[in-house]
C-alpha cells in the first residue's frame, strides 16, 4: 500500500508532518519517501515548440502561436534557454504573424479559418482578437483600425453566432470569450457578464468554460459583491481533488456544438486556473490544478493547439504568482531530533531531490518529519509511505478507487461458493470465471489494473 501527502513551504519557515510506522507490516519492505523540488512547472519547452513549429497556418493556429510567444518567452528562457529560439527570431516570427492576421480580417471585422472573403467565424474571430490584444499589451505594434473593427464584431457576437446557426452552448461560449477579450482591451461589460452568468447558473449543466471566461470581469469589476461570492461558490464546488491534483467536473453534451468552439476538459481546467489565480492567488487549489494539468501531457505537450496555449497561459500566470523569485534556498530535513540531510536549490531547475528511509528504521511511535527552507523561493514536497501488511485478509478501503473481485464456476456453479466471512471456497482443479469491477468517481490517467 502506498499513500502520500503534498505541500509547499514559503518564506523562511518550517513544516512538520507527523509520521508513524503502520502496525503489523513487514519491516523488510517499503518505508518513508521524501521528494523536494523548487518548481511545480515541469519542462514546458515541448509544448511551446509544438505551437511555434506547427506546420499548418490557419487563423486559429497563427493566433495560438502569437499567444505562446507573447506569454512564454520569459518563463521558458528561465528554465531551458538552450532549446528556445532566439529572442530576435521570436520577435520576427511574431511580427510577421500579426501582419498576416491583419491582412486576413474581413470587411465585417471578423476572421475565417483560412482566407479573407469567406463568411467569418465568431469563435475564430474572438481567438484572433485575443492574440492581437495580448500582442499589443506586450508592446508589439497592432493596427488600431483592426482592433477597433474587431471590437465592434465582439460587441455584436451574439448576432454573429445566430447567423452561423451556433447551438446555445457554442453561442454562450463565444459571448463569454468575447467578454473576456473586451475586458483585456479595457472595454469591460459587467452588465452583460452578469446577464450571461444568470442564464448559465440556472442551467442543469454548468458551462464551466464560459464561467472561466466571465470570472476576470467579475473579479476586477465586482470585487466583494454577492454575485462574485456566488460565482466562486458554484465554480469551486465543481472542483474534484485528490491528495496532490485537482480538476473541474465538466458536463457538456455531444450535441452542444462543442466542436465549433474546440472545447476540451483540459482547456476548461486551464481557463478556470487562470481566473482563480487572478482572483485568489493564494488558494491551495492552484498548485493542485497545475499538477493535474502537467500530468495530462503526452510527449511533453497536450492534445492540440487550443489545449496547449490555454494551459501555457495558465502556467505563465502561475509562474508570475508563485515562482517569480529565482530559487536560491537550502532545504533541510529532520525526523524529530535526527538530522536527515539538506539540499541546495540555486537557479531555475526541474531537479528533484529524493530521500528514502527504510521501514525498519521508522518508529512505531509518532515522529515529526520537519522540512525547513532558508532562502528565497518556494519549496514543494511530497512525503510518501509504502508498506506491506502482514495480514492477507485486508479490510475494504476506499482511497479514490474501488476495486471488487468476484468468482463463479465456469463449468459447474457448485465448484465455487462464497462463505459467510467473505472468503471464497473453490474446488481444486475447477475452471473459474473472475469478474473485476473498477469504480472511479473522477478522471484518472496512466492507470494499470492488475489481477
Protein backbone atom coordinates (compact mmCIF):
# COMPACT_ATOMS: atom_id res chain seq x y z
CA UNK A 1 0.00 0.00 0.00
CA UNK A 2 1.20 3.49 -0.86
CA UNK A 3 -0.01 6.86 0.49
CA UNK A 4 1.38 10.39 0.25
CA UNK A 5 0.92 13.97 1.48
CA UNK A 6 1.84 17.05 -0.53
CA UNK A 7 2.54 20.67 0.32
CA UNK A 8 4.69 23.77 -0.09
CA UNK A 9 6.96 25.80 2.16
CA UNK A 10 7.08 29.58 1.67
CA UNK A 11 9.34 32.14 3.27
CA UNK A 12 11.95 31.07 5.80
CA UNK A 13 9.75 28.70 7.74
CA UNK A 14 9.38 25.01 8.55
CA UNK A 15 6.62 22.44 8.15
CA UNK A 16 6.06 19.47 10.47
CA UNK A 17 4.45 16.29 9.12
CA UNK A 18 3.65 13.55 11.64
CA UNK A 19 4.97 10.09 10.69
CA UNK A 20 4.06 6.75 12.24
CA UNK A 21 5.10 3.26 11.19
CA UNK A 22 1.92 1.26 10.41
CA UNK A 23 1.04 -1.62 12.70
CA UNK A 24 1.75 -5.22 11.70
CA UNK A 25 3.70 -4.63 8.49
CA UNK A 26 6.73 -6.39 7.04
CA UNK A 27 9.83 -4.42 8.16
CA UNK A 28 11.83 -5.63 5.15
CA UNK A 29 9.64 -3.75 2.65
CA UNK A 30 8.93 -0.09 1.94
CA UNK A 31 9.46 2.90 4.18
CA UNK A 32 9.33 6.68 4.02
CA UNK A 33 9.98 8.56 0.76
CA UNK A 34 10.53 12.33 0.63
CA UNK A 35 10.78 14.31 -2.64
CA UNK A 36 11.76 18.01 -2.80
CA UNK A 37 11.72 20.44 -5.73
CA UNK A 38 11.77 24.18 -6.35
CA UNK A 39 9.11 24.34 -9.07
CA UNK A 40 5.70 22.93 -9.91
CA UNK A 41 6.40 23.67 -13.60
CA UNK A 42 7.86 20.64 -15.31
CA UNK A 43 9.59 21.13 -18.63
CA UNK A 44 7.33 23.23 -20.89
CA UNK A 45 9.61 23.59 -23.91
CA UNK A 46 7.92 20.80 -25.91
CA UNK A 47 4.50 22.45 -25.56
CA UNK A 48 5.87 25.80 -26.74
CA UNK A 49 7.78 24.29 -29.68
CA UNK A 50 4.67 22.35 -30.72
CA UNK A 51 2.90 25.69 -31.23
CA UNK A 52 5.94 27.52 -32.59
CA UNK A 53 6.66 24.86 -35.23
CA UNK A 54 3.05 23.91 -36.03
CA UNK A 55 3.01 23.04 -39.76
CA UNK A 56 -0.43 24.48 -40.65
CA UNK A 57 -1.29 28.13 -40.96
CA UNK A 58 -4.96 28.83 -40.25
CA UNK A 59 -6.02 31.90 -38.26
CA UNK A 60 -6.61 29.90 -35.07
CA UNK A 61 -3.15 28.31 -35.24
CA UNK A 62 -1.38 31.60 -36.00
CA UNK A 63 -3.20 33.20 -33.08
CA UNK A 64 -2.25 30.37 -30.73
CA UNK A 65 1.38 30.76 -31.80
CA UNK A 66 1.26 34.51 -31.10
CA UNK A 67 -0.20 33.87 -27.66
CA UNK A 68 2.51 31.31 -26.90
CA UNK A 69 5.31 33.63 -27.98
CA UNK A 70 3.94 36.58 -26.01
CA UNK A 71 3.19 34.62 -22.86
CA UNK A 72 6.00 32.11 -22.50
CA UNK A 73 9.21 33.82 -23.57
CA UNK A 74 10.30 34.76 -20.05
CA UNK A 75 9.17 31.51 -18.45
CA UNK A 76 10.89 29.21 -20.92
CA UNK A 77 14.09 31.24 -21.11
CA UNK A 78 14.27 30.83 -17.32
CA UNK A 79 14.06 27.03 -17.44
CA UNK A 80 15.59 25.92 -20.74
CA UNK A 81 17.18 28.75 -22.72
CA UNK A 82 19.23 26.43 -24.96
CA UNK A 83 16.17 24.76 -26.53
CA UNK A 84 14.36 28.03 -27.21
CA UNK A 85 14.57 30.07 -30.42
CA UNK A 86 16.44 33.33 -30.03
CA UNK A 87 14.52 36.39 -28.89
CA UNK A 88 15.19 38.01 -32.27
CA UNK A 89 13.72 35.02 -34.11
CA UNK A 90 10.64 35.03 -31.87
CA UNK A 91 10.04 38.75 -32.36
CA UNK A 92 10.45 38.44 -36.15
CA UNK A 93 8.02 35.50 -36.33
CA UNK A 94 5.51 37.22 -34.07
CA UNK A 95 5.55 40.46 -36.06
CA UNK A 96 5.02 38.53 -39.31
CA UNK A 97 2.07 36.61 -37.83
CA UNK A 98 0.44 39.86 -36.65
CA UNK A 99 0.73 41.40 -40.12
CA UNK A 100 -0.67 38.27 -41.76
CA UNK A 101 -3.71 38.24 -39.45
CA UNK A 102 -4.31 41.94 -40.08
CA UNK A 103 -4.46 41.22 -43.83
CA UNK A 104 -6.96 38.36 -43.28
CA UNK A 105 -9.55 40.47 -41.46
CA UNK A 106 -12.89 40.56 -43.26
CA UNK A 107 -15.00 43.64 -44.05
CA UNK A 108 -17.25 42.92 -41.03
CA UNK A 109 -14.25 42.94 -38.66
CA UNK A 110 -14.10 39.15 -38.29
CA UNK A 111 -11.91 36.29 -39.45
CA UNK A 112 -12.38 32.97 -41.20
CA UNK A 113 -10.12 29.97 -40.56
CA UNK A 114 -8.19 30.12 -43.82
CA UNK A 115 -8.79 33.14 -46.03
CA UNK A 116 -10.24 36.58 -46.43
CA UNK A 117 -13.54 36.85 -48.26
CA UNK A 118 -15.23 33.80 -46.74
CA UNK A 119 -18.00 34.08 -44.16
CA UNK A 120 -16.37 34.88 -40.83
CA UNK A 121 -16.42 32.51 -37.84
CA UNK A 122 -17.32 34.04 -34.44
CA UNK A 123 -15.11 31.73 -32.36
CA UNK A 124 -12.09 32.19 -34.62
CA UNK A 125 -12.63 35.95 -34.57
CA UNK A 126 -12.62 36.08 -30.77
CA UNK A 127 -9.44 33.97 -30.64
CA UNK A 128 -7.65 36.21 -33.17
CA UNK A 129 -8.69 39.30 -31.22
CA UNK A 130 -7.37 37.66 -28.05
CA UNK A 131 -3.98 37.12 -29.71
CA UNK A 132 -3.75 40.63 -31.14
CA UNK A 133 -4.80 42.13 -27.80
CA UNK A 134 -2.11 40.20 -25.89
CA UNK A 135 0.47 41.22 -28.51
CA UNK A 136 -0.49 44.89 -28.11
CA UNK A 137 -0.30 44.56 -24.30
CA UNK A 138 3.21 43.14 -24.68
CA UNK A 139 4.33 46.19 -26.69
CA UNK A 140 4.00 44.90 -30.26
CA UNK A 141 2.55 47.16 -32.94
CA UNK A 142 -1.01 46.26 -33.94
CA UNK A 143 -3.08 48.32 -36.40
CA UNK A 144 -5.59 50.26 -34.24
CA UNK A 145 -8.20 50.13 -37.03
CA UNK A 146 -8.02 46.34 -36.98
CA UNK A 147 -8.61 46.29 -33.23
CA UNK A 148 -11.47 48.82 -33.45
CA UNK A 149 -13.23 46.85 -36.17
CA UNK A 150 -12.64 43.59 -34.31
CA UNK A 151 -14.01 45.11 -31.09
CA UNK A 152 -17.22 46.11 -32.89
CA UNK A 153 -17.54 42.48 -34.01
CA UNK A 154 -17.12 41.27 -30.42
CA UNK A 155 -19.86 43.62 -29.22
CA UNK A 156 -22.28 42.04 -31.71
CA UNK A 157 -21.05 38.47 -31.21
CA UNK A 158 -24.47 37.01 -30.30
CA UNK A 159 -25.95 38.09 -33.62
CA UNK A 160 -22.94 36.72 -35.49
CA UNK A 161 -23.45 33.32 -33.79
CA UNK A 162 -27.12 33.30 -34.84
CA UNK A 163 -26.13 33.94 -38.45
CA UNK A 164 -23.86 30.88 -38.29
CA UNK A 165 -26.59 28.81 -36.54
CA UNK A 166 -24.45 28.09 -33.47
CA UNK A 167 -26.06 25.92 -30.77
CA UNK A 168 -26.87 27.51 -27.40
CA UNK A 169 -23.69 26.19 -25.72
CA UNK A 170 -21.45 27.43 -28.55
CA UNK A 171 -23.18 30.82 -28.60
CA UNK A 172 -22.80 31.33 -24.85
CA UNK A 173 -19.14 30.22 -25.03
CA UNK A 174 -18.41 32.78 -27.75
CA UNK A 175 -20.20 35.54 -25.81
CA UNK A 176 -18.23 34.69 -22.66
CA UNK A 177 -14.91 34.54 -24.56
CA UNK A 178 -15.71 37.88 -26.24
CA UNK A 179 -16.40 39.47 -22.84
CA UNK A 180 -13.05 38.08 -21.63
CA UNK A 181 -11.20 39.75 -24.54
CA UNK A 182 -13.14 43.00 -24.14
CA UNK A 183 -12.04 43.09 -20.50
CA UNK A 184 -8.41 42.71 -21.63
CA UNK A 185 -8.99 45.62 -24.05
CA UNK A 186 -10.17 47.79 -21.13
CA UNK A 187 -13.71 47.67 -22.56
CA UNK A 188 -15.44 45.61 -19.82
CA UNK A 189 -19.17 44.93 -19.92
CA UNK A 190 -20.14 43.85 -16.39
CA UNK A 191 -23.87 44.06 -17.12
CA UNK A 192 -23.60 41.56 -19.98
CA UNK A 193 -21.34 39.33 -17.87
CA UNK A 194 -23.93 39.29 -15.06
CA UNK A 195 -26.75 38.59 -17.51
CA UNK A 196 -24.91 35.63 -19.02
CA UNK A 197 -23.97 34.32 -15.57
CA UNK A 198 -27.63 34.39 -14.51
CA UNK A 199 -28.52 32.31 -17.58
CA UNK A 200 -25.73 29.81 -17.05
CA UNK A 201 -26.19 29.29 -13.30
CA UNK A 202 -29.81 28.19 -13.81
CA UNK A 203 -28.92 25.58 -16.44
CA UNK A 204 -28.95 21.93 -15.43
CA UNK A 205 -25.31 21.60 -16.53
CA UNK A 206 -23.00 24.46 -15.60
CA UNK A 207 -20.91 25.71 -18.52
CA UNK A 208 -17.62 25.76 -16.63
CA UNK A 209 -15.57 27.07 -19.54
CA UNK A 210 -17.87 30.08 -20.03
CA UNK A 211 -17.69 30.78 -16.29
CA UNK A 212 -13.89 30.77 -16.55
CA UNK A 213 -14.03 33.42 -19.27
CA UNK A 214 -16.50 35.56 -17.28
CA UNK A 215 -14.59 35.31 -14.00
CA UNK A 216 -11.92 38.02 -14.65
CA UNK A 217 -14.64 40.60 -15.37
CA UNK A 218 -16.34 39.78 -12.06
CA UNK A 219 -13.02 39.70 -10.19
CA UNK A 220 -11.96 43.14 -11.44
CA UNK A 221 -15.28 44.99 -11.54
CA UNK A 222 -17.48 43.26 -8.94
CA UNK A 223 -14.96 42.55 -6.20
CA UNK A 224 -16.58 41.86 -2.84
CA UNK A 225 -20.05 41.63 -4.39
CA UNK A 226 -22.62 38.91 -3.58
CA UNK A 227 -22.53 37.91 -7.26
CA UNK A 228 -18.79 37.17 -7.11
CA UNK A 229 -19.20 35.13 -3.92
CA UNK A 230 -21.96 33.08 -5.54
CA UNK A 231 -19.85 32.77 -8.70
CA UNK A 232 -16.88 31.35 -6.78
CA UNK A 233 -19.06 29.01 -4.75
CA UNK A 234 -20.59 27.47 -7.87
CA UNK A 235 -17.22 27.06 -9.59
CA UNK A 236 -15.22 25.74 -6.64
CA UNK A 237 -17.96 23.24 -5.79
CA UNK A 238 -17.18 21.64 -9.15
CA UNK A 239 -13.52 21.06 -8.23
CA UNK A 240 -12.54 17.43 -7.69
CA UNK A 241 -9.39 16.92 -5.59
CA UNK A 242 -7.02 14.08 -4.81
CA UNK A 243 -4.03 14.24 -2.49
CA UNK A 244 -1.88 16.14 -4.99
CA UNK A 245 -4.01 17.05 -8.03
CA UNK A 246 -7.31 18.72 -8.91
CA UNK A 247 -9.59 19.26 -11.89
CA UNK A 248 -13.05 20.63 -12.61
CA UNK A 249 -16.06 18.50 -13.44
CA UNK A 250 -17.42 19.41 -16.87
CA UNK A 251 -20.79 18.22 -18.17
CA UNK A 252 -21.16 19.02 -21.84
CA UNK A 253 -23.33 17.03 -24.24
CA UNK A 254 -22.11 15.85 -27.64
CA UNK A 255 -24.98 17.71 -29.34
CA UNK A 256 -23.99 21.09 -27.88
CA UNK A 257 -21.75 22.03 -30.80
CA UNK A 258 -18.57 21.90 -28.72
CA UNK A 259 -16.52 21.13 -31.85
CA UNK A 260 -17.26 24.68 -33.07
CA UNK A 261 -15.54 26.22 -30.04
CA UNK A 262 -12.84 23.49 -29.88
CA UNK A 263 -13.88 22.59 -26.32
CA UNK A 264 -11.95 20.15 -24.13
CA UNK A 265 -11.84 19.32 -20.42
CA UNK A 266 -8.15 20.26 -20.17
CA UNK A 267 -8.73 23.67 -21.74
CA UNK A 268 -11.56 24.25 -19.26
CA UNK A 269 -9.25 23.44 -16.33
CA UNK A 270 -6.65 25.86 -17.68
CA UNK A 271 -9.13 28.73 -18.20
CA UNK A 272 -10.50 28.30 -14.68
CA UNK A 273 -6.98 28.07 -13.21
CA UNK A 274 -6.03 31.38 -14.85
CA UNK A 275 -9.15 33.04 -13.45
CA UNK A 276 -8.62 31.60 -9.96
CA UNK A 277 -5.01 32.80 -9.95
CA UNK A 278 -6.19 36.32 -10.81
CA UNK A 279 -8.97 36.39 -8.21
CA UNK A 280 -7.49 34.26 -5.41
CA UNK A 281 -3.73 33.73 -5.95
CA UNK A 282 -3.19 32.11 -2.52
CA UNK A 283 -5.88 29.43 -2.95
CA UNK A 284 -4.37 25.99 -2.30
CA UNK A 285 -6.30 24.62 -5.28
CA UNK A 286 -3.96 26.48 -7.67
CA UNK A 287 -0.97 24.18 -7.22
CA UNK A 288 -3.15 21.06 -7.39
CA UNK A 289 -4.67 22.25 -10.68
CA UNK A 290 -1.16 22.82 -12.08
CA UNK A 291 -0.14 19.27 -11.14
CA UNK A 292 -3.32 17.93 -12.69
CA UNK A 293 -2.65 19.71 -15.98
CA UNK A 294 1.01 18.65 -16.10
CA UNK A 295 0.03 15.02 -15.51
CA UNK A 296 -2.07 15.01 -18.71
CA UNK A 297 0.85 15.67 -21.04
CA UNK A 298 1.89 13.17 -23.70
CA UNK A 299 5.44 13.53 -25.03
CA UNK A 300 5.77 16.83 -23.21
CA UNK A 301 2.66 18.52 -24.60
CA UNK A 302 -1.13 18.44 -24.68
CA UNK A 303 -3.53 17.30 -27.40
CA UNK A 304 -3.98 20.31 -29.69
CA UNK A 305 -3.23 23.98 -30.23
CA UNK A 306 -6.11 25.16 -28.02
CA UNK A 307 -5.17 22.99 -25.05
CA UNK A 308 -1.51 23.90 -25.33
CA UNK A 309 -1.99 27.66 -25.48
CA UNK A 310 -4.56 27.93 -22.69
CA UNK A 311 -2.51 25.70 -20.42
CA UNK A 312 0.64 27.67 -21.18
CA UNK A 313 -1.21 30.92 -20.40
CA UNK A 314 -2.37 29.46 -17.08
CA UNK A 315 1.11 28.24 -16.20
CA UNK A 316 2.56 31.63 -17.07
CA UNK A 317 0.09 33.18 -14.59
CA UNK A 318 1.13 30.59 -12.01
CA UNK A 319 4.79 31.38 -12.64
CA UNK A 320 4.14 35.08 -12.05
CA UNK A 321 2.11 34.45 -8.87
CA UNK A 322 4.16 31.70 -7.22
CA UNK A 323 7.61 31.41 -8.73
CA UNK A 324 8.65 34.88 -9.82
CA UNK A 325 11.56 34.78 -7.40
CA UNK A 326 14.54 32.84 -8.70
CA UNK A 327 15.05 29.94 -6.25
CA UNK A 328 18.09 30.23 -4.01
CA UNK A 329 17.49 28.31 -0.80
CA UNK A 330 18.71 25.48 1.40
CA UNK A 331 16.16 22.78 2.25
CA UNK A 332 16.73 20.74 5.41
CA UNK A 333 15.13 17.58 6.82
CA UNK A 334 14.86 16.26 10.39
CA UNK A 335 13.00 13.32 11.92
CA UNK A 336 12.41 14.55 15.48
CA UNK A 337 15.96 15.23 16.73
CA UNK A 338 17.66 13.23 13.95
CA UNK A 339 19.18 15.25 11.12
CA UNK A 340 18.46 13.57 7.76
CA UNK A 341 20.21 15.88 5.32
CA UNK A 342 19.93 19.03 3.20
CA UNK A 343 19.71 20.06 -0.45
CA UNK A 344 20.68 23.35 -2.09
CA UNK A 345 18.38 24.75 -4.83
CA UNK A 346 20.00 27.54 -6.82
CA UNK A 347 18.52 28.93 -10.04
CA UNK A 348 15.63 27.73 -12.19
CA UNK A 349 15.77 23.97 -12.44
CA UNK A 350 13.41 21.00 -12.73
CA UNK A 351 15.64 18.87 -10.50
CA UNK A 352 14.08 16.75 -7.77
CA UNK A 353 15.88 15.69 -4.59
CA UNK A 354 14.80 12.37 -3.03
CA UNK A 355 15.35 10.69 0.32
CA UNK A 356 14.31 7.17 1.37
CA UNK A 357 14.19 5.81 4.92
CA UNK A 358 13.66 2.01 5.18
CA UNK A 359 10.68 0.76 7.16
CA UNK A 360 12.84 -0.97 9.79
CA UNK A 361 14.36 2.40 10.73
CA UNK A 362 10.98 4.00 11.48
CA UNK A 363 9.50 4.01 14.96
CA UNK A 364 6.08 2.59 15.85
CA UNK A 365 5.58 5.78 17.89
CA UNK A 366 4.56 9.00 16.13
CA UNK A 367 7.52 11.12 14.94
CA UNK A 368 7.68 14.60 13.45
CA UNK A 369 9.23 14.98 9.99
CA UNK A 370 10.41 18.60 9.79
CA UNK A 371 11.03 20.28 6.42
CA UNK A 372 12.75 23.66 6.58
CA UNK A 373 13.70 26.25 3.96
CA UNK A 374 16.23 29.04 4.31
CA UNK A 375 16.42 31.49 1.43
CA UNK A 376 14.23 32.84 -1.38
CA UNK A 377 11.93 30.73 -3.50
CA UNK A 378 9.29 28.09 -2.94
CA UNK A 379 9.85 24.52 -1.74
CA UNK A 380 7.45 21.82 -2.94
CA UNK A 381 7.43 18.48 -1.14
CA UNK A 382 5.92 15.02 -1.30
CA UNK A 383 6.03 12.76 1.75
CA UNK A 384 5.00 9.20 0.92
CA UNK A 385 4.97 5.86 2.72
CA UNK A 386 4.99 2.40 1.18
CA UNK A 387 4.27 -0.70 3.26
CA UNK A 388 3.14 -4.31 3.02
CA UNK A 389 0.68 -5.53 5.71
CA UNK A 390 1.46 -8.99 7.15
CA UNK A 391 -2.20 -9.99 7.09
CA UNK A 392 -3.55 -11.24 3.78
CA UNK A 393 -7.10 -10.54 4.98
CA UNK A 394 -7.15 -6.79 4.25
CA UNK A 395 -10.26 -4.80 5.19
CA UNK A 396 -12.08 -2.97 2.40
CA UNK A 397 -10.88 0.59 1.84
CA UNK A 398 -11.74 3.46 -0.49
CA UNK A 399 -8.81 5.68 -1.49
CA UNK A 400 -10.10 7.20 -4.70
CA UNK A 401 -10.77 3.87 -6.44
CA UNK A 402 -12.98 0.94 -5.53
CA UNK A 403 -11.99 -2.47 -6.90
CA UNK A 404 -14.10 -5.59 -6.33
CA UNK A 405 -13.43 -9.16 -7.44
CA UNK A 406 -15.94 -11.99 -7.63
CA UNK A 407 -15.73 -15.62 -8.80
CA UNK A 408 -18.06 -18.23 -10.23
CA UNK A 409 -17.64 -21.73 -11.58
CA UNK A 410 -17.29 -21.72 -15.35
CA UNK A 411 -18.32 -25.37 -15.83
CA UNK A 412 -20.27 -26.07 -12.64
CA UNK A 413 -21.66 -23.31 -10.35
CA UNK A 414 -21.22 -25.65 -7.38
CA UNK A 415 -17.41 -25.53 -7.84
CA UNK A 416 -17.30 -22.00 -6.30
CA UNK A 417 -19.11 -20.58 -3.29
CA UNK A 418 -18.64 -17.59 -1.02
CA UNK A 419 -18.58 -18.19 2.74
CA UNK A 420 -20.29 -16.01 5.33
CA UNK A 421 -16.99 -14.34 6.32
CA UNK A 422 -16.44 -13.23 2.72
CA UNK A 423 -13.82 -15.86 1.80
CA UNK A 424 -14.22 -17.87 -1.39
CA UNK A 425 -14.09 -21.67 -1.45
CA UNK A 426 -13.08 -23.15 -4.79
CA UNK A 427 -12.87 -26.81 -5.77
CA UNK A 428 -9.32 -27.80 -6.71
CA UNK A 429 -8.90 -28.10 -10.46
CA UNK A 430 -12.08 -26.16 -11.29
CA UNK A 431 -12.26 -23.67 -14.12
CA UNK A 432 -13.19 -20.29 -12.62
CA UNK A 433 -14.53 -17.10 -14.22
CA UNK A 434 -13.21 -13.94 -12.49
CA UNK A 435 -15.10 -10.63 -12.67
CA UNK A 436 -13.26 -7.41 -11.80
CA UNK A 437 -15.25 -4.24 -11.12
CA UNK A 438 -13.45 -0.88 -11.00
CA UNK A 439 -15.31 2.20 -9.78
CA UNK A 440 -13.58 5.55 -10.37
CA UNK A 441 -15.52 8.71 -9.45
CA UNK A 442 -13.24 11.14 -11.32
CA UNK A 443 -10.88 11.39 -14.26
CA UNK A 444 -7.63 9.43 -13.87
CA UNK A 445 -4.69 8.81 -16.19
CA UNK A 446 -1.89 6.23 -16.50
CA UNK A 447 -3.99 3.60 -14.69
CA UNK A 448 -2.96 -0.06 -14.59
CA UNK A 449 -5.39 -2.58 -13.08
CA UNK A 450 -3.58 -5.85 -12.35
CA UNK A 451 -5.27 -9.06 -11.15
